[in-house]
Amino acid sequence: MYRGICEAISRELDTMDEKYGNGAPLNGQDLEHIDKMAHALKCLKTYEAMEGNSEYSEDSYARGRSRTTGRYVSRDDYSRDSYRRY
């Protein structure tokens, strides 16, 4: 998801890395630009990861706490155990 945007940001960061890797002095405007691009890339990647682990996903490994024991269990186990009496 948003692969094109992530690739464009990565290319721009690579360009900035080359510029400053060659010894150019870092200025405030470029630092702000780098910070915004890095933040945007991190947010997009985080969103993508969270979408892949959505609780509505069939292959989700999300965990919750058991009502009876308080221990962490997978949501699949939690839904099966929620009506059991121990």
Protein backbone atom coordinates (compact mmCIF):
# COMPACT_ATOMS: atom_id res chain seq x y z
CA MET A 1 0.00 0.00 0.00
CA TYR A 2 1.32 3.46 -0.90
CA ARG A 3 4.33 1.78 -2.51
CA GLY A 4 4.83 4.61 -5.01
CA ILE A 5 4.84 7.27 -2.31
CA CYS A 6 7.26 5.28 -0.14
CA GLU A 7 9.61 4.75 -3.09
CA ALA A 8 9.53 8.46 -3.97
CA ILE A 9 10.35 9.42 -0.37
CA SER A 10 13.13 6.83 -0.24
CA ARG A 11 14.65 8.17 -3.48
CA GLU A 12 14.57 11.72 -2.10
CA LEU A 13 16.22 10.57 1.13
CA ASP A 14 18.88 8.76 -0.92
CA THR A 15 19.56 12.00 -2.82
CA MET A 16 19.94 13.90 0.44
CA ASP A 17 22.20 11.16 1.80
CA GLU A 18 24.48 11.46 -1.24
CA LYS A 19 24.58 15.24 -0.88
CA TYR A 20 25.58 15.15 2.78
CA GLY A 21 27.67 12.01 2.44
CA ASN A 22 29.96 14.01 0.15
CA GLY A 23 30.69 16.50 2.90
CA ALA A 24 28.13 19.25 2.24
CA PRO A 25 27.21 21.21 5.38
CA LEU A 26 23.73 20.43 6.70
CA ASN A 27 21.40 23.44 6.78
CA GLY A 28 18.20 23.89 8.78
CA GLN A 29 15.90 23.84 5.77
CA ASP A 30 17.24 20.50 4.52
CA LEU A 31 17.17 19.07 8.03
CA GLU A 32 13.48 19.98 8.31
CA HIS A 33 12.84 18.44 4.87
CA ILE A 34 14.64 15.21 5.87
CA ASP A 35 12.72 15.08 9.15
CA LYS A 36 9.35 15.42 7.38
CA MET A 37 10.21 12.77 4.80
CA ALA A 38 11.48 10.33 7.44
CA HIS A 39 8.38 10.92 9.56
CA ALA A 40 6.05 10.42 6.57
CA LEU A 41 7.85 7.22 5.57
CA LYS A 42 7.69 5.88 9.14
CA CYS A 43 3.97 6.68 9.38
CA LEU A 44 3.17 5.00 6.06
CA LYS A 45 5.16 1.90 6.98
CA THR A 46 3.51 1.75 10.41
CA TYR A 47 0.06 2.10 8.86
CA GLU A 48 0.88 -0.64 6.38
CA ALA A 49 2.08 -2.96 9.17
CA MET A 50 -0.98 -2.26 11.28
CA GLU A 51 -3.30 -2.97 8.37
CA GLY A 52 -1.58 -6.33 7.89
CA ASN A 53 -2.18 -7.19 11.55
CA SER A 54 -5.75 -5.98 11.72
CA GLU A 55 -7.99 -7.83 14.16
CA TYR A 56 -10.33 -8.41 11.24
CA SER A 57 -7.65 -10.25 9.31
CA GLU A 58 -7.93 -14.04 9.11
CA ASP A 59 -4.23 -14.50 9.85
CA SER A 60 -4.06 -12.07 12.74
CA TYR A 61 -1.84 -12.87 15.67
CA ALA A 62 -3.42 -10.22 17.88
CA ARG A 63 -3.54 -11.12 21.55
CA GLY A 64 -5.85 -10.28 24.39
CA ARG A 65 -6.23 -11.29 28.02
CA SER A 66 -8.23 -14.28 29.19
CA ARG A 67 -11.20 -13.28 31.33
CA THR A 68 -10.66 -16.21 33.65
CA THR A 69 -6.88 -16.31 34.11
CA GLY A 70 -5.76 -12.82 33.07
CA ARG A 71 -3.03 -14.40 30.92
CA TYR A 72 -2.36 -13.33 27.36
CA VAL A 73 -3.98 -15.58 24.78
CA SER A 74 -4.57 -15.35 21.05
CA ARG A 75 -7.89 -13.76 20.12
CA ASP A 76 -8.99 -17.08 18.62
CA ASP A 77 -8.45 -18.81 21.98
CA TYR A 78 -10.09 -15.89 23.77
CA SER A 79 -13.28 -16.15 21.74
CA ARG A 80 -13.47 -19.92 22.26
CA ASP A 81 -12.80 -19.68 25.98
CA SER A 82 -15.00 -16.70 26.70
CA TYR A 83 -18.04 -18.83 27.54
CA ARG A 84 -16.20 -21.65 29.36
CA ARG A 85 -16.46 -22.00 33.10
CA TYR A 86 -13.41 -23.30 34.99
